Amino acid sequence: MALADKVSDTWIAFARTGNPNTPKLPNWPAFTIENRATMVLDNVSKIAKDPMGERRVAMFRALNLD
């Protein structure tokens, strides 16, 4: 329930303002191609830089999108 509460608050903030930041999560910087800041939502949430980068690159190569 605690995680669901954090996610709900984040969606509400994003819908209202375009900014997902709430006091219940770490600061979530804007996504850019350079930083690919991704929120990893869990009991202890954190920001990760391109957490699935290798998979993303492999998929793009397999689809001839790179």
PDB file of N, CA and C in Angstrom:
ATOM      1  N   MET A   1       0.812  -1.198   0.000  1.00  0.00           N
ATOM      2  CA  MET A   1       0.000   0.000   0.000  1.00  0.00           C
ATOM      3  C   MET A   1       0.859   1.267   0.000  1.00  0.00           C
ATOM      4  N   ALA A   2       1.973   1.212   0.709  1.00  0.00           N
ATOM      5  CA  ALA A   2       2.830   2.404   0.777  1.00  0.00           C
ATOM      6  C   ALA A   2       3.387   2.742  -0.606  1.00  0.00           C
ATOM      7  N   LEU A   3       3.812   1.723  -1.357  1.00  0.00           N
ATOM      8  CA  LEU A   3       4.344   1.958  -2.697  1.00  0.00           C
ATOM      9  C   LEU A   3       3.241   2.460  -3.628  1.00  0.00           C
ATOM     10  N   ALA A   4       2.058   1.866  -3.525  1.00  0.00           N
ATOM     11  CA  ALA A   4       0.927   2.322  -4.342  1.00  0.00           C
ATOM     12  C   ALA A   4       0.605   3.782  -4.049  1.00  0.00           C
ATOM     13  N   ASP A   5       0.705   4.181  -2.807  1.00  0.00           N
ATOM     14  CA  ASP A   5       0.459   5.568  -2.410  1.00  0.00           C
ATOM     15  C   ASP A   5       1.480   6.504  -3.059  1.00  0.00           C
ATOM     16  N   LYS A   6       2.752   6.096  -3.059  1.00  0.00           N
ATOM     17  CA  LYS A   6       3.800   6.913  -3.686  1.00  0.00           C
ATOM     18  C   LYS A   6       3.552   7.055  -5.181  1.00  0.00           C
ATOM     19  N   VAL A   7       3.223   5.939  -5.826  1.00  0.00           N
ATOM     20  CA  VAL A   7       2.992   5.967  -7.271  1.00  0.00           C
ATOM     21  C   VAL A   7       1.778   6.834  -7.600  1.00  0.00           C
ATOM     22  N   SER A   8       0.714   6.692  -6.844  1.00  0.00           N
ATOM     23  CA  SER A   8      -0.488   7.504  -7.072  1.00  0.00           C
ATOM     24  C   SER A   8      -0.191   8.990  -6.926  1.00  0.00           C
ATOM     25  N   ASP A   9       0.519   9.359  -5.867  1.00  0.00           N
ATOM     26  CA  ASP A   9       0.870  10.769  -5.673  1.00  0.00           C
ATOM     27  C   ASP A   9       1.722  11.300  -6.821  1.00  0.00           C
ATOM     28  N   THR A  10       2.615  10.462  -7.324  1.00  0.00           N
ATOM     29  CA  THR A  10       3.484  10.852  -8.430  1.00  0.00           C
ATOM     30  C   THR A  10       2.666  11.098  -9.690  1.00  0.00           C
ATOM     31  N   TRP A  11       1.747  10.194 -10.013  1.00  0.00           N
ATOM     32  CA  TRP A  11       0.888  10.369 -11.191  1.00  0.00           C
ATOM     33  C   TRP A  11       0.018  11.610 -11.053  1.00  0.00           C
ATOM     34  N   ILE A  12      -0.525  11.835  -9.879  1.00  0.00           N
ATOM     35  CA  ILE A  12      -1.369  13.012  -9.655  1.00  0.00           C
ATOM     36  C   ILE A  12      -0.560  14.293  -9.851  1.00  0.00           C
ATOM     37  N   ALA A  13       0.638  14.334  -9.284  1.00  0.00           N
ATOM     38  CA  ALA A  13       1.494  15.517  -9.444  1.00  0.00           C
ATOM     39  C   ALA A  13       1.824  15.747 -10.911  1.00  0.00           C
ATOM     40  N   PHE A  14       2.149  14.674 -11.620  1.00  0.00           N
ATOM     41  CA  PHE A  14       2.491  14.796 -13.038  1.00  0.00           C
ATOM     42  C   PHE A  14       1.288  15.274 -13.848  1.00  0.00           C
ATOM     43  N   ALA A  15       0.115  14.726 -13.568  1.00  0.00           N
ATOM     44  CA  ALA A  15      -1.094  15.129 -14.301  1.00  0.00           C
ATOM     45  C   ALA A  15      -1.439  16.594 -14.048  1.00  0.00           C
ATOM     46  N   ARG A  16      -1.231  17.045 -12.832  1.00  0.00           N
ATOM     47  CA  ARG A  16      -1.588  18.426 -12.478  1.00  0.00           C
ATOM     48  C   ARG A  16      -0.584  19.448 -12.992  1.00  0.00           C
ATOM     49  N   THR A  17       0.705  19.097 -12.926  1.00  0.00           N
ATOM     50  CA  THR A  17       1.744  20.103 -13.169  1.00  0.00           C
ATOM     51  C   THR A  17       2.723  19.769 -14.294  1.00  0.00           C
ATOM     52  N   GLY A  18       2.754  18.507 -14.738  1.00  0.00           N
ATOM     53  CA  GLY A  18       3.768  18.090 -15.697  1.00  0.00           C
ATOM     54  C   GLY A  18       5.079  17.733 -15.021  1.00  0.00           C
ATOM     55  N   ASN A  19       5.089  17.771 -13.692  1.00  0.00           N
ATOM     56  CA  ASN A  19       6.283  17.465 -12.903  1.00  0.00           C
ATOM     57  C   ASN A  19       5.914  16.350 -11.916  1.00  0.00           C
ATOM     58  N   PRO A  20       6.594  15.195 -11.968  1.00  0.00           N
ATOM     59  CA  PRO A  20       6.226  14.074 -11.109  1.00  0.00           C
ATOM     60  C   PRO A  20       6.747  14.149  -9.683  1.00  0.00           C
ATOM     61  N   ASN A  21       7.515  15.168  -9.356  1.00  0.00           N
ATOM     62  CA  ASN A  21       8.140  15.221  -8.029  1.00  0.00           C
ATOM     63  C   ASN A  21       7.123  15.404  -6.914  1.00  0.00           C
ATOM     64  N   THR A  22       7.318  14.620  -5.851  1.00  0.00           N
ATOM     65  CA  THR A  22       6.541  14.723  -4.618  1.00  0.00           C
ATOM     66  C   THR A  22       7.505  14.524  -3.452  1.00  0.00           C
ATOM     67  N   PRO A  23       7.124  14.898  -2.255  1.00  0.00           N
ATOM     68  CA  PRO A  23       7.992  14.682  -1.092  1.00  0.00           C
ATOM     69  C   PRO A  23       8.211  13.199  -0.764  1.00  0.00           C
ATOM     70  N   LYS A  24       7.408  12.314  -1.339  1.00  0.00           N
ATOM     71  CA  LYS A  24       7.503  10.893  -1.006  1.00  0.00           C
ATOM     72  C   LYS A  24       8.570  10.141  -1.788  1.00  0.00           C
ATOM     73  N   LEU A  25       9.159  10.784  -2.792  1.00  0.00           N
ATOM     74  CA  LEU A  25      10.185  10.140  -3.617  1.00  0.00           C
ATOM     75  C   LEU A  25      11.410  11.035  -3.706  1.00  0.00           C
ATOM     76  N   PRO A  26      12.562  10.447  -4.081  1.00  0.00           N
ATOM     77  CA  PRO A  26      13.741  11.290  -4.340  1.00  0.00           C
ATOM     78  C   PRO A  26      13.447  12.252  -5.497  1.00  0.00           C
ATOM     79  N   ASN A  27      14.212  13.334  -5.581  1.00  0.00           N
ATOM     80  CA  ASN A  27      14.043  14.260  -6.693  1.00  0.00           C
ATOM     81  C   ASN A  27      14.192  13.520  -8.019  1.00  0.00           C
ATOM     82  N   TRP A  28      13.237  13.745  -8.911  1.00  0.00           N
ATOM     83  CA  TRP A  28      13.221  13.078 -10.206  1.00  0.00           C
ATOM     84  C   TRP A  28      13.552  14.106 -11.269  1.00  0.00           C
ATOM     85  N   PRO A  29      14.800  14.146 -11.735  1.00  0.00           N
ATOM     86  CA  PRO A  29      15.177  15.149 -12.733  1.00  0.00           C
ATOM     87  C   PRO A  29      14.499  14.862 -14.076  1.00  0.00           C
ATOM     88  N   ALA A  30      14.399  15.882 -14.897  1.00  0.00           N
ATOM     89  CA  ALA A  30      13.808  15.718 -16.219  1.00  0.00           C
ATOM     90  C   ALA A  30      14.626  14.724 -17.043  1.00  0.00           C
ATOM     91  N   PHE A  31      13.939  13.930 -17.836  1.00  0.00           N
ATOM     92  CA  PHE A  31      14.592  12.965 -18.717  1.00  0.00           C
ATOM     93  C   PHE A  31      15.205  13.702 -19.896  1.00  0.00           C
ATOM     94  N   THR A  32      16.467  13.394 -20.170  1.00  0.00           N
ATOM     95  CA  THR A  32      17.130  13.886 -21.375  1.00  0.00           C
ATOM     96  C   THR A  32      17.846  12.707 -22.013  1.00  0.00           C
ATOM     97  N   ILE A  33      18.168  12.828 -23.268  1.00  0.00           N
ATOM     98  CA  ILE A  33      18.902  11.757 -23.952  1.00  0.00           C
ATOM     99  C   ILE A  33      20.256  11.536 -23.285  1.00  0.00           C
ATOM    100  N   GLU A  34      20.861  12.601 -22.773  1.00  0.00           N
ATOM    101  CA  GLU A  34      22.172  12.477 -22.142  1.00  0.00           C
ATOM    102  C   GLU A  34      22.105  11.748 -20.797  1.00  0.00           C
ATOM    103  N   ASN A  35      21.089  12.054 -19.956  1.00  0.00           N
ATOM    104  CA  ASN A  35      21.090  11.453 -18.617  1.00  0.00           C
ATOM    105  C   ASN A  35      20.136  10.272 -18.475  1.00  0.00           C
ATOM    106  N   ARG A  36      19.066  10.217 -19.280  1.00  0.00           N
ATOM    107  CA  ARG A  36      18.082   9.124 -19.236  1.00  0.00           C
ATOM    108  C   ARG A  36      17.684   8.783 -17.792  1.00  0.00           C
ATOM    109  N   ALA A  37      17.453   9.829 -16.993  1.00  0.00           N
ATOM    110  CA  ALA A  37      17.084   9.649 -15.577  1.00  0.00           C
ATOM    111  C   ALA A  37      15.765   8.886 -15.477  1.00  0.00           C
ATOM    112  N   THR A  38      15.818   7.753 -14.801  1.00  0.00           N
ATOM    113  CA  THR A  38      14.668   6.860 -14.670  1.00  0.00           C
ATOM    114  C   THR A  38      14.436   6.572 -13.199  1.00  0.00           C
ATOM    115  N   MET A  39      13.202   6.750 -12.746  1.00  0.00           N
ATOM    116  CA  MET A  39      12.876   6.433 -11.360  1.00  0.00           C
ATOM    117  C   MET A  39      12.621   4.935 -11.246  1.00  0.00           C
ATOM    118  N   VAL A  40      13.353   4.286 -10.371  1.00  0.00           N
ATOM    119  CA  VAL A  40      13.134   2.877 -10.069  1.00  0.00           C
ATOM    120  C   VAL A  40      12.257   2.849  -8.819  1.00  0.00           C
ATOM    121  N   LEU A  41      10.989   2.523  -9.018  1.00  0.00           N
ATOM    122  CA  LEU A  41      10.017   2.551  -7.926  1.00  0.00           C
ATOM    123  C   LEU A  41      10.065   1.238  -7.149  1.00  0.00           C
ATOM    124  N   ASP A  42      10.287   1.359  -5.856  1.00  0.00           N
ATOM    125  CA  ASP A  42      10.353   0.209  -4.964  1.00  0.00           C
ATOM    126  C   ASP A  42      10.100   0.720  -3.555  1.00  0.00           C
ATOM    127  N   ASN A  43      10.234  -0.156  -2.567  1.00  0.00           N
ATOM    128  CA  ASN A  43      10.073   0.305  -1.185  1.00  0.00           C
ATOM    129  C   ASN A  43      11.032   1.445  -0.881  1.00  0.00           C
ATOM    130  N   VAL A  44      12.257   1.351  -1.398  1.00  0.00           N
ATOM    131  CA  VAL A  44      13.218   2.450  -1.359  1.00  0.00           C
ATOM    132  C   VAL A  44      13.494   2.808  -2.813  1.00  0.00           C
ATOM    133  N   SER A  45      12.866   3.877  -3.296  1.00  0.00           N
ATOM    134  CA  SER A  45      12.988   4.270  -4.697  1.00  0.00           C
ATOM    135  C   SER A  45      14.278   5.042  -4.915  1.00  0.00           C
ATOM    136  N   LYS A  46      14.756   5.013  -6.185  1.00  0.00           N
ATOM    137  CA  LYS A  46      16.003   5.709  -6.513  1.00  0.00           C
ATOM    138  C   LYS A  46      15.994   6.080  -7.987  1.00  0.00           C
ATOM    139  N   ILE A  47      16.861   7.024  -8.325  1.00  0.00           N
ATOM    140  CA  ILE A  47      17.065   7.416  -9.713  1.00  0.00           C
ATOM    141  C   ILE A  47      18.206   6.580 -10.270  1.00  0.00           C
ATOM    142  N   ALA A  48      17.998   6.057 -11.468  1.00  0.00           N
ATOM    143  CA  ALA A  48      19.045   5.300 -12.147  1.00  0.00           C
ATOM    144  C   ALA A  48      19.278   5.943 -13.510  1.00  0.00           C
ATOM    145  N   LYS A  49      20.520   5.944 -13.933  1.00  0.00           N
ATOM    146  CA  LYS A  49      20.871   6.484 -15.237  1.00  0.00           C
ATOM    147  C   LYS A  49      20.810   5.352 -16.259  1.00  0.00           C
ATOM    148  N   ASP A  50      19.792   5.383 -17.106  1.00  0.00           N
ATOM    149  CA  ASP A  50      19.626   4.410 -18.184  1.00  0.00           C
ATOM    150  C   ASP A  50      19.738   2.970 -17.684  1.00  0.00           C
ATOM    151  N   PRO A  51      18.858   2.562 -16.767  1.00  0.00           N
ATOM    152  CA  PRO A  51      19.007   1.256 -16.117  1.00  0.00           C
ATOM    153  C   PRO A  51      18.927   0.048 -17.045  1.00  0.00           C
ATOM    154  N   MET A  52      18.308   0.200 -18.194  1.00  0.00           N
ATOM    155  CA  MET A  52      18.213  -0.921 -19.130  1.00  0.00           C
ATOM    156  C   MET A  52      18.885  -0.560 -20.455  1.00  0.00           C
ATOM    157  N   GLY A  53      19.947   0.218 -20.357  1.00  0.00           N
ATOM    158  CA  GLY A  53      20.620   0.727 -21.541  1.00  0.00           C
ATOM    159  C   GLY A  53      21.102  -0.353 -22.494  1.00  0.00           C
ATOM    160  N   GLU A  54      21.705  -1.400 -21.963  1.00  0.00           N
ATOM    161  CA  GLU A  54      22.207  -2.459 -22.830  1.00  0.00           C
ATOM    162  C   GLU A  54      21.065  -3.132 -23.587  1.00  0.00           C
ATOM    163  N   ARG A  55      19.952  -3.388 -22.911  1.00  0.00           N
ATOM    164  CA  ARG A  55      18.794  -4.004 -23.565  1.00  0.00           C
ATOM    165  C   ARG A  55      18.190  -3.068 -24.613  1.00  0.00           C
ATOM    166  N   ARG A  56      18.121  -1.781 -24.283  1.00  0.00           N
ATOM    167  CA  ARG A  56      17.580  -0.809 -25.223  1.00  0.00           C
ATOM    168  C   ARG A  56      18.408  -0.756 -26.489  1.00  0.00           C
ATOM    169  N   VAL A  57      19.723  -0.704 -26.347  1.00  0.00           N
ATOM    170  CA  VAL A  57      20.622  -0.656 -27.497  1.00  0.00           C
ATOM    171  C   VAL A  57      20.498  -1.936 -28.324  1.00  0.00           C
ATOM    172  N   ALA A  58      20.438  -3.088 -27.658  1.00  0.00           N
ATOM    173  CA  ALA A  58      20.300  -4.360 -28.375  1.00  0.00           C
ATOM    174  C   ALA A  58      18.986  -4.408 -29.155  1.00  0.00           C
ATOM    175  N   MET A  59      17.918  -3.932 -28.554  1.00  0.00           N
ATOM    176  CA  MET A  59      16.616  -3.924 -29.238  1.00  0.00           C
ATOM    177  C   MET A  59      16.673  -2.995 -30.455  1.00  0.00           C
ATOM    178  N   PHE A  60      17.240  -1.811 -30.291  1.00  0.00           N
ATOM    179  CA  PHE A  60      17.328  -0.878 -31.405  1.00  0.00           C
ATOM    180  C   PHE A  60      18.145  -1.484 -32.543  1.00  0.00           C
ATOM    181  N   ARG A  61      19.240  -2.154 -32.201  1.00  0.00           N
ATOM    182  CA  ARG A  61      20.060  -2.790 -33.245  1.00  0.00           C
ATOM    183  C   ARG A  61      19.290  -3.905 -33.936  1.00  0.00           C
ATOM    184  N   ALA A  62      18.571  -4.722 -33.167  1.00  0.00           N
ATOM    185  CA  ALA A  62      17.798  -5.832 -33.749  1.00  0.00           C
ATOM    186  C   ALA A  62      16.714  -5.313 -34.681  1.00  0.00           C
ATOM    187  N   LEU A  63      16.170  -4.138 -34.391  1.00  0.00           N
ATOM    188  CA  LEU A  63      15.121  -3.548 -35.211  1.00  0.00           C
ATOM    189  C   LEU A  63      15.666  -2.579 -36.263  1.00  0.00           C
ATOM    190  N   ASN A  64      16.983  -2.515 -36.371  1.00  0.00           N
ATOM    191  CA  ASN A  64      17.657  -1.598 -37.306  1.00  0.00           C
ATOM    192  C   ASN A  64      17.234  -0.146 -37.092  1.00  0.00           C
ATOM    193  N   LEU A  65      17.143   0.250 -35.831  1.00  0.00           N
ATOM    194  CA  LEU A  65      16.755   1.612 -35.484  1.00  0.00           C
ATOM    195  C   LEU A  65      17.926   2.457 -34.992  1.00  0.00           C
ATOM    196  N   ASP A  66      19.126   1.932 -34.987  1.00  0.00           N
ATOM    197  CA  ASP A  66      20.260   2.735 -34.492  1.00  0.00           C
ATOM    198  C   ASP A  66      20.971   3.461 -35.580  1.00  0.00           C
TER     199      ASP A  66
END
